[in-house]
Amino acid sequence: AWLLTTALPGKTAFQVLEEYPDSGENIVDALAAFLRRLHSIPVSNCPFNSDRVFRLAQAQSRMNNGLVDASDFDDERNGWPVEQVWKEMHKLLPFSPDSVVTHGDFSLDNLIFDEGKLIGCIDVGRVGIADRYQDLAILWNCLGEFSPSLQKRLFQKYGIDNPDMNKLQFHLMLDEFF
């Protein structure tokens, strides 16, 4: 498989939200719509696997090789040893995956806006078939830096009435290993 990319003009969603805080709802609406479109791509069209089993194996390898930076953990896990995150994450298993094509690191720093429009995404090294909460959790977490109302709006605009907090927390913990 191959991937063709091109340079994009503009600013990251994070930069736009910092510069124009009143644009938060419009930004979230655009991100939710983009994510719905990405997640609607048939998984049969994606040759890359990024499922839970694959990502857990990568995470364990990174942990075993001392490549996880515990000083970079989210505030919720600040001060936790890597092994504690691993143990707590496994307590959230099992759950039924809802497999879609995911970006893999759908953060505000990887989404590009130009002239008020979302024009693309960067850093697609973790793209692949995975649970939709892989992307939702990372974006939800980033939006929390700005406002809980933006986090809530993300799920509303994406079309999820009752977010699965178990999956959300699992994917946030899994992301700590990368």
N, C-alpha and C. Protein backbone atom coordinates (compact mmCIF):
# COMPACT_ATOMS: atom_id res chain seq x y z
N ALA A 1 0.84 -1.18 0.00
CA ALA A 1 0.00 0.00 0.00
C ALA A 1 0.88 1.24 0.00
N TRP A 2 0.31 2.35 -0.44
CA TRP A 2 1.05 3.61 -0.45
C TRP A 2 0.11 4.74 -0.07
N LEU A 3 0.69 5.86 0.27
CA LEU A 3 -0.08 7.03 0.69
C LEU A 3 0.53 8.25 0.04
N LEU A 4 -0.29 9.05 -0.61
CA LEU A 4 0.16 10.27 -1.25
C LEU A 4 -0.25 11.46 -0.39
N THR A 5 0.70 12.33 -0.09
CA THR A 5 0.38 13.51 0.71
C THR A 5 0.85 14.77 -0.02
N THR A 6 0.37 15.89 0.44
CA THR A 6 0.77 17.18 -0.12
C THR A 6 0.84 18.20 1.01
N ALA A 7 1.60 19.26 0.80
CA ALA A 7 1.69 20.33 1.79
C ALA A 7 0.35 21.06 1.87
N LEU A 8 0.01 21.52 3.08
CA LEU A 8 -1.25 22.23 3.29
C LEU A 8 -0.98 23.62 3.87
N PRO A 9 -1.70 24.63 3.39
CA PRO A 9 -1.60 25.95 4.01
C PRO A 9 -2.46 25.97 5.27
N GLY A 10 -2.33 27.00 6.06
CA GLY A 10 -3.26 27.18 7.17
C GLY A 10 -2.64 27.01 8.53
N LYS A 11 -3.52 26.77 9.51
CA LYS A 11 -3.15 26.63 10.91
C LYS A 11 -3.81 25.38 11.47
N THR A 12 -3.23 24.89 12.56
CA THR A 12 -3.84 23.74 13.21
C THR A 12 -5.12 24.17 13.93
N ALA A 13 -5.98 23.21 14.18
CA ALA A 13 -7.22 23.50 14.92
C ALA A 13 -6.89 24.07 16.30
N PHE A 14 -5.82 23.60 16.91
CA PHE A 14 -5.40 24.12 18.20
C PHE A 14 -5.07 25.61 18.09
N GLN A 15 -4.30 25.97 17.07
CA GLN A 15 -3.93 27.38 16.87
C GLN A 15 -5.16 28.24 16.63
N VAL A 16 -6.10 27.73 15.84
CA VAL A 16 -7.31 28.50 15.55
C VAL A 16 -8.13 28.70 16.83
N LEU A 17 -8.27 27.64 17.63
CA LEU A 17 -9.03 27.77 18.88
C LEU A 17 -8.35 28.73 19.86
N GLU A 18 -7.04 28.73 19.87
CA GLU A 18 -6.33 29.67 20.75
C GLU A 18 -6.52 31.12 20.28
N GLU A 19 -6.43 31.33 18.97
CA GLU A 19 -6.56 32.68 18.41
C GLU A 19 -7.99 33.20 18.43
N TYR A 20 -8.93 32.29 18.16
CA TYR A 20 -10.34 32.67 18.04
C TYR A 20 -11.20 31.77 18.93
N PRO A 21 -11.15 31.96 20.24
CA PRO A 21 -11.89 31.08 21.15
C PRO A 21 -13.39 31.03 20.88
N ASP A 22 -13.95 32.10 20.34
CA ASP A 22 -15.38 32.12 20.05
C ASP A 22 -15.76 31.22 18.87
N SER A 23 -14.76 30.71 18.16
CA SER A 23 -15.04 29.84 17.00
C SER A 23 -15.17 28.38 17.40
N GLY A 24 -15.11 28.08 18.70
CA GLY A 24 -15.09 26.71 19.18
C GLY A 24 -16.19 25.82 18.65
N GLU A 25 -17.42 26.30 18.68
CA GLU A 25 -18.54 25.46 18.22
C GLU A 25 -18.41 25.15 16.73
N ASN A 26 -18.05 26.14 15.93
CA ASN A 26 -17.89 25.90 14.49
C ASN A 26 -16.74 24.94 14.21
N ILE A 27 -15.66 25.07 14.96
CA ILE A 27 -14.52 24.17 14.80
C ILE A 27 -14.94 22.74 15.13
N VAL A 28 -15.60 22.56 16.26
CA VAL A 28 -16.03 21.22 16.67
C VAL A 28 -17.00 20.63 15.65
N ASP A 29 -17.91 21.42 15.14
CA ASP A 29 -18.86 20.93 14.14
C ASP A 29 -18.12 20.41 12.91
N ALA A 30 -17.12 21.16 12.46
CA ALA A 30 -16.33 20.75 11.29
C ALA A 30 -15.53 19.48 11.59
N LEU A 31 -14.96 19.39 12.77
CA LEU A 31 -14.18 18.21 13.14
C LEU A 31 -15.05 16.97 13.24
N ALA A 32 -16.23 17.11 13.84
CA ALA A 32 -17.15 15.97 13.96
C ALA A 32 -17.60 15.50 12.59
N ALA A 33 -17.91 16.42 11.69
CA ALA A 33 -18.33 16.05 10.33
C ALA A 33 -17.20 15.35 9.59
N PHE A 34 -15.98 15.87 9.71
CA PHE A 34 -14.82 15.26 9.06
C PHE A 34 -14.60 13.85 9.59
N LEU A 35 -14.70 13.70 10.91
CA LEU A 35 -14.48 12.39 11.53
C LEU A 35 -15.55 11.39 11.11
N ARG A 36 -16.80 11.84 11.03
CA ARG A 36 -17.87 10.95 10.55
C ARG A 36 -17.58 10.47 9.13
N ARG A 37 -17.11 11.37 8.28
CA ARG A 37 -16.77 10.98 6.89
C ARG A 37 -15.62 9.98 6.88
N LEU A 38 -14.59 10.25 7.65
CA LEU A 38 -13.46 9.32 7.72
C LEU A 38 -13.92 7.96 8.21
N HIS A 39 -14.72 7.94 9.25
CA HIS A 39 -15.17 6.68 9.83
C HIS A 39 -16.18 5.95 8.94
N SER A 40 -16.70 6.62 7.93
CA SER A 40 -17.65 5.96 7.02
C SER A 40 -16.96 5.28 5.84
N ILE A 41 -15.64 5.47 5.70
CA ILE A 41 -14.91 4.77 4.64
C ILE A 41 -15.00 3.27 4.92
N PRO A 42 -15.36 2.47 3.93
CA PRO A 42 -15.46 1.03 4.17
C PRO A 42 -14.11 0.45 4.64
N VAL A 43 -14.15 -0.35 5.70
CA VAL A 43 -12.90 -0.93 6.22
C VAL A 43 -12.23 -1.81 5.17
N SER A 44 -13.01 -2.33 4.23
CA SER A 44 -12.42 -3.15 3.17
C SER A 44 -11.49 -2.34 2.27
N ASN A 45 -11.61 -1.01 2.32
CA ASN A 45 -10.75 -0.14 1.51
C ASN A 45 -9.46 0.25 2.23
N CYS A 46 -9.27 -0.21 3.45
CA CYS A 46 -8.10 0.18 4.24
C CYS A 46 -7.19 -1.03 4.47
N PRO A 47 -5.96 -0.98 3.99
CA PRO A 47 -5.06 -2.12 4.15
C PRO A 47 -4.30 -2.13 5.48
N PHE A 48 -4.55 -1.16 6.34
CA PHE A 48 -3.76 -1.03 7.57
C PHE A 48 -4.55 -1.44 8.80
N ASN A 49 -3.92 -2.22 9.66
CA ASN A 49 -4.54 -2.67 10.90
C ASN A 49 -3.98 -1.85 12.06
N SER A 50 -4.84 -1.25 12.82
CA SER A 50 -4.44 -0.54 14.04
C SER A 50 -5.35 -0.93 15.19
N ASP A 51 -5.84 -2.16 15.16
CA ASP A 51 -6.81 -2.57 16.17
C ASP A 51 -6.17 -2.69 17.56
N ARG A 52 -7.01 -2.97 18.53
CA ARG A 52 -6.60 -3.02 19.92
C ARG A 52 -5.46 -4.02 20.14
N VAL A 53 -5.54 -5.19 19.55
CA VAL A 53 -4.50 -6.21 19.73
C VAL A 53 -3.16 -5.70 19.20
N PHE A 54 -3.18 -5.11 18.01
CA PHE A 54 -1.97 -4.56 17.40
C PHE A 54 -1.39 -3.43 18.26
N ARG A 55 -2.26 -2.51 18.68
CA ARG A 55 -1.79 -1.35 19.45
C ARG A 55 -1.32 -1.75 20.85
N LEU A 56 -1.98 -2.73 21.46
CA LEU A 56 -1.52 -3.19 22.77
C LEU A 56 -0.14 -3.83 22.67
N ALA A 57 0.10 -4.58 21.60
CA ALA A 57 1.43 -5.18 21.39
C ALA A 57 2.49 -4.09 21.22
N GLN A 58 2.16 -3.04 20.46
CA GLN A 58 3.09 -1.92 20.30
C GLN A 58 3.33 -1.24 21.64
N ALA A 59 2.27 -1.01 22.39
CA ALA A 59 2.38 -0.34 23.68
C ALA A 59 3.24 -1.15 24.65
N GLN A 60 3.02 -2.46 24.67
CA GLN A 60 3.80 -3.31 25.57
C GLN A 60 5.28 -3.30 25.19
N SER A 61 5.56 -3.34 23.91
CA SER A 61 6.94 -3.27 23.44
C SER A 61 7.59 -1.95 23.86
N ARG A 62 6.86 -0.85 23.69
CA ARG A 62 7.39 0.46 24.09
C ARG A 62 7.64 0.50 25.60
N MET A 63 6.72 -0.08 26.36
CA MET A 63 6.87 -0.11 27.82
C MET A 63 8.09 -0.95 28.20
N ASN A 64 8.20 -2.13 27.62
CA ASN A 64 9.31 -3.04 27.94
C ASN A 64 10.67 -2.47 27.56
N ASN A 65 10.69 -1.60 26.56
CA ASN A 65 11.94 -1.01 26.09
C ASN A 65 12.20 0.38 26.66
N GLY A 66 11.40 0.78 27.65
CA GLY A 66 11.62 2.06 28.32
C GLY A 66 11.36 3.27 27.45
N LEU A 67 10.45 3.14 26.48
CA LEU A 67 10.19 4.23 25.53
C LEU A 67 8.97 5.07 25.87
N VAL A 68 8.33 4.79 27.00
CA VAL A 68 7.13 5.54 27.40
C VAL A 68 7.56 6.66 28.34
N ASP A 69 7.16 7.88 28.01
CA ASP A 69 7.53 9.06 28.80
C ASP A 69 6.43 9.37 29.82
N ALA A 70 6.60 8.87 31.03
CA ALA A 70 5.59 9.07 32.08
C ALA A 70 5.45 10.54 32.46
N SER A 71 6.46 11.35 32.19
CA SER A 71 6.36 12.78 32.52
C SER A 71 5.41 13.51 31.57
N ASP A 72 5.01 12.83 30.49
CA ASP A 72 4.11 13.42 29.50
C ASP A 72 2.67 12.92 29.65
N PHE A 73 2.38 12.17 30.71
CA PHE A 73 1.03 11.65 30.91
C PHE A 73 0.04 12.79 31.12
N ASP A 74 -1.20 12.54 30.74
CA ASP A 74 -2.28 13.50 31.00
C ASP A 74 -2.39 13.74 32.50
N ASP A 75 -3.00 14.86 32.86
CA ASP A 75 -3.13 15.24 34.27
C ASP A 75 -3.76 14.14 35.12
N GLU A 76 -4.73 13.43 34.55
CA GLU A 76 -5.41 12.35 35.29
C GLU A 76 -4.45 11.30 35.80
N ARG A 77 -3.37 11.08 35.06
CA ARG A 77 -2.41 10.03 35.40
C ARG A 77 -1.04 10.61 35.77
N ASN A 78 -0.99 11.87 36.05
CA ASN A 78 0.26 12.52 36.43
C ASN A 78 0.84 11.85 37.67
N GLY A 79 2.09 11.45 37.59
CA GLY A 79 2.75 10.80 38.71
C GLY A 79 2.60 9.29 38.75
N TRP A 80 1.77 8.74 37.87
CA TRP A 80 1.60 7.29 37.84
C TRP A 80 2.82 6.64 37.19
N PRO A 81 3.24 5.50 37.70
CA PRO A 81 4.25 4.74 36.96
C PRO A 81 3.60 4.10 35.72
N VAL A 82 4.40 3.85 34.72
CA VAL A 82 3.90 3.28 33.47
C VAL A 82 3.13 1.99 33.72
N GLU A 83 3.63 1.16 34.62
CA GLU A 83 3.00 -0.13 34.90
C GLU A 83 1.60 0.04 35.47
N GLN A 84 1.37 1.09 36.23
CA GLN A 84 0.03 1.34 36.78
C GLN A 84 -0.95 1.70 35.66
N VAL A 85 -0.51 2.50 34.70
CA VAL A 85 -1.37 2.83 33.56
C VAL A 85 -1.72 1.54 32.82
N TRP A 86 -0.72 0.70 32.61
CA TRP A 86 -0.92 -0.58 31.91
C TRP A 86 -1.96 -1.43 32.64
N LYS A 87 -1.83 -1.53 33.95
CA LYS A 87 -2.74 -2.35 34.76
C LYS A 87 -4.15 -1.77 34.75
N GLU A 88 -4.28 -0.47 34.96
CA GLU A 88 -5.60 0.17 34.98
C GLU A 88 -6.27 0.09 33.61
N MET A 89 -5.49 0.22 32.56
CA MET A 89 -6.03 0.12 31.20
C MET A 89 -6.62 -1.27 30.96
N HIS A 90 -5.92 -2.29 31.42
CA HIS A 90 -6.41 -3.66 31.21
C HIS A 90 -7.67 -3.97 32.01
N LYS A 91 -7.91 -3.24 33.08
CA LYS A 91 -9.14 -3.43 33.85
C LYS A 91 -10.37 -3.01 33.04
N LEU A 92 -10.17 -2.20 32.02
CA LEU A 92 -11.27 -1.72 31.19
C LEU A 92 -11.63 -2.69 30.07
N LEU A 93 -10.87 -3.77 29.94
CA LEU A 93 -11.14 -4.78 28.92
C LEU A 93 -12.01 -5.88 29.52
N PRO A 94 -12.71 -6.66 28.71
CA PRO A 94 -12.86 -6.51 27.26
C PRO A 94 -14.03 -5.60 26.93
N PHE A 95 -14.07 -5.18 25.70
CA PHE A 95 -15.23 -4.49 25.15
C PHE A 95 -15.30 -4.84 23.67
N SER A 96 -16.50 -4.72 23.12
CA SER A 96 -16.68 -5.04 21.71
C SER A 96 -16.22 -3.87 20.86
N PRO A 97 -15.27 -4.13 19.96
CA PRO A 97 -14.80 -3.03 19.11
C PRO A 97 -15.83 -2.67 18.04
N ASP A 98 -15.84 -1.43 17.69
CA ASP A 98 -16.67 -0.91 16.61
C ASP A 98 -15.69 -0.42 15.55
N SER A 99 -15.27 -1.34 14.69
CA SER A 99 -14.15 -1.09 13.78
C SER A 99 -14.52 -0.18 12.62
N VAL A 100 -13.68 0.85 12.45
CA VAL A 100 -13.81 1.81 11.36
C VAL A 100 -12.40 2.17 10.90
N VAL A 101 -12.31 2.92 9.81
CA VAL A 101 -11.02 3.48 9.41
C VAL A 101 -10.76 4.68 10.31
N THR A 102 -9.63 4.66 11.02
CA THR A 102 -9.29 5.73 11.95
C THR A 102 -8.02 6.46 11.51
N HIS A 103 -7.90 7.69 11.97
CA HIS A 103 -6.69 8.48 11.78
C HIS A 103 -5.60 7.96 12.71
N GLY A 104 -5.97 7.66 13.94
CA GLY A 104 -5.05 7.11 14.92
C GLY A 104 -4.46 8.12 15.88
N ASP A 105 -4.40 9.38 15.48
CA ASP A 105 -3.91 10.46 16.35
C ASP A 105 -4.66 11.74 16.00
N PHE A 106 -5.98 11.67 16.15
CA PHE A 106 -6.88 12.75 15.72
C PHE A 106 -6.89 13.87 16.76
N SER A 107 -5.76 14.54 16.87
CA SER A 107 -5.62 15.63 17.84
C SER A 107 -5.75 16.98 17.14
N LEU A 108 -5.99 18.00 17.92
CA LEU A 108 -6.15 19.35 17.37
C LEU A 108 -4.90 19.82 16.64
N ASP A 109 -3.74 19.29 17.00
CA ASP A 109 -2.50 19.67 16.33
C ASP A 109 -2.33 19.00 14.97
N ASN A 110 -3.16 18.02 14.67
CA ASN A 110 -3.04 17.29 13.41
C ASN A 110 -4.16 17.60 12.42
N LEU A 111 -4.94 18.63 12.70
CA LEU A 111 -6.08 19.00 11.85
C LEU A 111 -5.87 20.43 11.39
N ILE A 112 -5.91 20.62 10.08
CA ILE A 112 -5.52 21.90 9.49
C ILE A 112 -6.74 22.67 8.97
N PHE A 113 -6.81 23.93 9.39
CA PHE A 113 -7.85 24.86 8.94
C PHE A 113 -7.21 25.96 8.11
N ASP A 114 -7.92 26.38 7.09
CA ASP A 114 -7.50 27.53 6.29
C ASP A 114 -8.75 28.31 5.91
N GLU A 115 -8.70 29.59 6.16
CA GLU A 115 -9.82 30.49 5.86
C GLU A 115 -11.13 29.97 6.46
N GLY A 116 -11.04 29.48 7.70
CA GLY A 116 -12.22 29.04 8.43
C GLY A 116 -12.75 27.66 8.07
N LYS A 117 -12.05 26.95 7.20
CA LYS A 117 -12.52 25.62 6.78
C LYS A 117 -11.47 24.56 7.12
N LEU A 118 -11.96 23.39 7.53
CA LEU A 118 -11.08 22.25 7.75
C LEU A 118 -10.67 21.71 6.39
N ILE A 119 -9.37 21.74 6.10
CA ILE A 119 -8.92 21.35 4.76
C ILE A 119 -8.15 20.03 4.75
N GLY A 120 -7.80 19.49 5.91
CA GLY A 120 -7.09 18.22 5.90
C GLY A 120 -6.49 17.86 7.23
N CYS A 121 -5.77 16.75 7.21
CA CYS A 121 -5.12 16.28 8.42
C CYS A 121 -3.68 15.88 8.10
N ILE A 122 -2.85 15.91 9.13
CA ILE A 122 -1.46 15.53 8.99
C ILE A 122 -1.15 14.42 9.99
N ASP A 123 0.08 13.91 9.96
CA ASP A 123 0.55 12.91 10.91
C ASP A 123 -0.33 11.66 10.87
N VAL A 124 -0.34 11.02 9.73
CA VAL A 124 -1.22 9.87 9.53
C VAL A 124 -0.49 8.53 9.70
N GLY A 125 0.58 8.54 10.47
CA GLY A 125 1.37 7.33 10.66
C GLY A 125 0.66 6.22 11.40
N ARG A 126 -0.43 6.53 12.10
CA ARG A 126 -1.17 5.50 12.84
C ARG A 126 -2.53 5.21 12.22
N VAL A 127 -2.72 5.62 10.97
CA VAL A 127 -3.99 5.36 10.29
C VAL A 127 -4.22 3.85 10.20
N GLY A 128 -5.47 3.44 10.29
CA GLY A 128 -5.78 2.02 10.14
C GLY A 128 -7.13 1.68 10.73
N ILE A 129 -7.48 0.43 10.61
CA ILE A 129 -8.75 -0.06 11.12
C ILE A 129 -8.63 -0.24 12.64
N ALA A 130 -9.52 0.43 13.35
CA ALA A 130 -9.53 0.38 14.82
C ALA A 130 -10.91 0.78 15.31
N ASP A 131 -11.10 0.74 16.60
CA ASP A 131 -12.35 1.20 17.20
C ASP A 131 -12.47 2.72 17.02
N ARG A 132 -13.67 3.19 16.71
CA ARG A 132 -13.88 4.63 16.48
C ARG A 132 -13.46 5.48 17.67
N TYR A 133 -13.48 4.90 18.87
CA TYR A 133 -13.08 5.67 20.05
C TYR A 133 -11.58 5.97 20.07
N GLN A 134 -10.80 5.32 19.23
CA GLN A 134 -9.39 5.68 19.10
C GLN A 134 -9.28 7.16 18.73
N ASP A 135 -10.05 7.59 17.76
CA ASP A 135 -10.03 8.99 17.33
C ASP A 135 -10.85 9.89 18.26
N LEU A 136 -12.02 9.42 18.64
CA LEU A 136 -12.90 10.24 19.49
C LEU A 136 -12.24 10.59 20.82
N ALA A 137 -11.55 9.63 21.42
CA ALA A 137 -10.94 9.87 22.73
C ALA A 137 -9.86 10.93 22.66
N ILE A 138 -9.01 10.85 21.65
CA ILE A 138 -7.92 11.82 21.54
C ILE A 138 -8.47 13.22 21.30
N LEU A 139 -9.44 13.34 20.39
CA LEU A 139 -10.01 14.65 20.12
C LEU A 139 -10.76 15.18 21.34
N TRP A 140 -11.53 14.34 22.00
CA TRP A 140 -12.27 14.73 23.20
C TRP A 140 -11.31 15.26 24.26
N ASN A 141 -10.20 14.57 24.45
CA ASN A 141 -9.21 14.98 25.43
C ASN A 141 -8.62 16.35 25.08
N CYS A 142 -8.30 16.56 23.82
CA CYS A 142 -7.75 17.86 23.38
C CYS A 142 -8.75 18.99 23.61
N LEU A 143 -10.01 18.73 23.30
CA LEU A 143 -11.04 19.77 23.47
C LEU A 143 -11.22 20.15 24.93
N GLY A 144 -10.90 19.23 25.83
CA GLY A 144 -10.99 19.51 27.26
C GLY A 144 -10.06 20.63 27.71
N GLU A 145 -9.03 20.89 26.93
CA GLU A 145 -8.12 22.00 27.24
C GLU A 145 -8.82 23.35 27.04
N PHE A 146 -9.92 23.34 26.30
CA PHE A 146 -10.63 24.57 26.00
C PHE A 146 -11.96 24.69 26.75
N SER A 147 -12.78 23.62 26.72
CA SER A 147 -14.08 23.72 27.38
C SER A 147 -14.79 22.37 27.43
N PRO A 148 -15.35 22.00 28.59
CA PRO A 148 -16.17 20.79 28.65
C PRO A 148 -17.36 20.85 27.69
N SER A 149 -17.86 22.04 27.41
CA SER A 149 -19.00 22.15 26.49
C SER A 149 -18.59 21.74 25.07
N LEU A 150 -17.34 21.97 24.70
CA LEU A 150 -16.87 21.53 23.38
C LEU A 150 -16.74 20.01 23.34
N GLN A 151 -16.33 19.41 24.46
CA GLN A 151 -16.26 17.95 24.53
C GLN A 151 -17.66 17.34 24.33
N LYS A 152 -18.62 17.90 25.02
CA LYS A 152 -20.00 17.41 24.92
C LYS A 152 -20.52 17.60 23.49
N ARG A 153 -20.23 18.75 22.91
CA ARG A 153 -20.69 19.05 21.55
C ARG A 153 -20.10 18.06 20.54
N LEU A 154 -18.85 17.66 20.75
CA LEU A 154 -18.22 16.70 19.84
C LEU A 154 -19.10 15.46 19.68
N PHE A 155 -19.50 14.87 20.80
CA PHE A 155 -20.32 13.66 20.73
C PHE A 155 -21.69 13.94 20.13
N GLN A 156 -22.28 15.06 20.48
CA GLN A 156 -23.59 15.42 19.92
C GLN A 156 -23.50 15.53 18.40
N LYS A 157 -22.52 16.26 17.91
CA LYS A 157 -22.40 16.49 16.46
C LYS A 157 -21.93 15.25 15.72
N TYR A 158 -21.18 14.39 16.41
CA TYR A 158 -20.75 13.14 15.79
C TYR A 158 -21.93 12.17 15.69
N GLY A 159 -22.90 12.31 16.60
CA GLY A 159 -24.08 11.46 16.58
C GLY A 159 -24.11 10.40 17.67
N ILE A 160 -23.39 10.64 18.75
CA ILE A 160 -23.39 9.71 19.89
C ILE A 160 -24.09 10.39 21.06
N ASP A 161 -25.23 9.81 21.46
CA ASP A 161 -26.00 10.38 22.56
C ASP A 161 -25.42 10.03 23.93
N ASN A 162 -24.94 8.80 24.05
CA ASN A 162 -24.39 8.32 25.32
C ASN A 162 -22.98 7.79 25.09
N PRO A 163 -21.97 8.63 25.24
CA PRO A 163 -20.60 8.18 25.01
C PRO A 163 -20.22 7.02 25.93
N ASP A 164 -19.46 6.09 25.40
CA ASP A 164 -18.97 4.94 26.16
C ASP A 164 -17.70 5.38 26.90
N MET A 165 -17.86 5.75 28.15
CA MET A 165 -16.74 6.28 28.93
C MET A 165 -15.67 5.22 29.18
N ASN A 166 -16.07 3.95 29.19
CA ASN A 166 -15.11 2.86 29.34
C ASN A 166 -14.14 2.85 28.15
N LYS A 167 -14.70 2.88 26.95
CA LYS A 167 -13.86 2.91 25.74
C LYS A 167 -13.04 4.19 25.68
N LEU A 168 -13.65 5.28 26.06
CA LEU A 168 -12.96 6.56 26.04
C LEU A 168 -11.72 6.50 26.94
N GLN A 169 -11.91 6.04 28.17
CA GLN A 169 -10.78 5.95 29.10
C GLN A 169 -9.73 4.95 28.64
N PHE A 170 -10.17 3.82 28.09
CA PHE A 170 -9.21 2.83 27.58
C PHE A 170 -8.30 3.47 26.54
N HIS A 171 -8.90 4.15 25.58
CA HIS A 171 -8.10 4.73 24.49
C HIS A 171 -7.23 5.89 24.96
N LEU A 172 -7.68 6.63 25.96
CA LEU A 172 -6.83 7.68 26.52
C LEU A 172 -5.61 7.07 27.22
N MET A 173 -5.83 5.98 27.94
CA MET A 173 -4.71 5.31 28.59
C MET A 173 -3.78 4.68 27.56
N LEU A 174 -4.35 4.06 26.54
CA LEU A 174 -3.52 3.46 25.49
C LEU A 174 -2.64 4.52 24.83
N ASP A 175 -3.19 5.69 24.62
CA ASP A 175 -2.43 6.76 23.96
C ASP A 175 -1.24 7.22 24.80
N GLU A 176 -1.28 7.01 26.11
CA GLU A 176 -0.15 7.40 26.96
C GLU A 176 1.14 6.67 26.57
N PHE A 177 1.01 5.52 25.92
CA PHE A 177 2.17 4.72 25.57
C PHE A 177 2.84 5.16 24.27
N PHE A 178 2.25 6.18 23.62
CA PHE A 178 2.78 6.61 22.31
C PHE A 178 3.25 8.01 22.32
